[in-house]
Structure formats: structure tokens, C-alpha cells
Amino acid sequence: MFDRIYQIGYNYLESKINELKIKRGIHMGIATRKEEEISMKLFVVLTRTLDAIKKSVEKDIRSYGLN
């Protein structure tokens, strides 16, 4: 009995998720491009930050004569 109720609930939620995907899919093309641009900019910023931290750590290590 519990398995049947669980399955009905699961199927209902799955259908609602699919409905939302279809509704959102109409606007996905524009949103995806904007999200990709933001993601790329964030990636560049994070990469530059990582490089700056790496250089700072390497400089600090050299200052203690550990390298």
C-alpha cells in the first residue's frame, strides 16, 4: 500500500517538474547565453585570483628560504 502511494506521489512530482521544464524552456535560450557570459566572467576572475594567491604564496615561501 505504501509503495503504491509513494509511486503516485513520485509520478505527480515528476510530471510537475516536467511541466516547469517545458514552461521555462521557452525562455531558456536567452537565459542560457546570459548565464554563460556571467559564468565565463566569473571563471576569469576566479582564475586571476587563484594566480595572484599562488604568486603570493610562492613569494612568501621563498622569503623563508623554503624553496
Protein backbone atom coordinates (compact mmCIF):
# COMPACT_ATOMS: atom_id res chain seq x y z
CA MET A 1 0.00 0.00 0.00
CA PHE A 2 2.74 2.45 1.00
CA ASP A 3 4.71 1.69 -2.17
CA ARG A 4 1.67 2.49 -4.30
CA ILE A 5 1.10 5.84 -2.55
CA TYR A 6 4.79 6.62 -2.87
CA GLN A 7 4.73 5.82 -6.59
CA ILE A 8 1.67 8.04 -7.16
CA GLY A 9 3.35 10.92 -5.34
CA TYR A 10 6.56 10.40 -7.26
CA ASN A 11 4.74 10.38 -10.60
CA TYR A 12 2.85 13.55 -9.69
CA LEU A 13 6.02 15.41 -8.71
CA GLU A 14 7.83 14.19 -11.81
CA SER A 15 5.02 15.49 -14.03
CA LYS A 16 5.11 18.89 -12.28
CA ILE A 17 8.88 19.11 -12.79
CA ASN A 18 8.45 18.29 -16.47
CA GLU A 19 5.77 20.97 -16.80
CA LEU A 20 8.11 23.56 -15.30
CA LYS A 21 10.92 22.48 -17.62
CA ILE A 22 8.65 22.92 -20.63
CA LYS A 23 7.39 26.34 -19.47
CA ARG A 24 10.89 27.52 -18.65
CA GLY A 25 12.25 26.13 -21.90
CA ILE A 26 10.60 28.95 -23.85
CA HIS A 27 12.94 31.48 -22.24
CA MET A 28 15.94 29.19 -21.79
CA GLY A 29 17.82 30.34 -24.90
CA ILE A 30 18.25 33.91 -23.69
CA ALA A 31 18.87 32.99 -20.08
CA THR A 32 21.45 30.39 -21.03
CA ARG A 33 23.53 32.86 -23.04
CA LYS A 34 23.47 35.38 -20.21
CA GLU A 35 24.34 32.70 -17.67
CA GLU A 36 27.21 31.51 -19.86
CA GLU A 37 28.59 35.06 -20.14
CA ILE A 38 28.39 35.53 -16.39
CA SER A 39 29.94 32.12 -15.79
CA MET A 40 32.84 32.89 -18.11
CA LYS A 41 33.46 36.25 -16.45
CA LEU A 42 33.37 34.61 -13.04
CA PHE A 43 35.75 31.91 -14.24
CA VAL A 44 38.23 34.54 -15.45
CA VAL A 45 38.02 36.45 -12.16
CA LEU A 46 38.47 33.30 -10.09
CA THR A 47 41.41 32.16 -12.26
CA ARG A 48 43.15 35.52 -11.88
CA THR A 49 42.51 35.45 -8.14
CA LEU A 50 43.94 31.95 -7.88
CA ASP A 51 47.04 33.04 -9.84
CA ALA A 52 47.53 36.05 -7.56
CA ILE A 53 47.23 33.88 -4.44
CA LYS A 54 49.61 31.32 -5.91
CA LYS A 55 52.22 34.00 -6.66
CA SER A 56 51.83 35.45 -3.18
CA VAL A 57 52.28 32.05 -1.54
CA GLU A 58 55.32 31.26 -3.69
CA LYS A 59 56.86 34.63 -2.76
CA ASP A 60 56.17 34.01 0.92
CA ILE A 61 57.73 30.53 0.73
CA ARG A 62 60.85 31.97 -0.94
CA SER A 63 61.11 34.69 1.73
CA TYR A 64 61.50 31.99 4.38
CA GLY A 65 64.07 30.16 2.25
CA LEU A 66 61.94 27.06 2.00
CA ASN A 67 62.30 26.70 -1.73
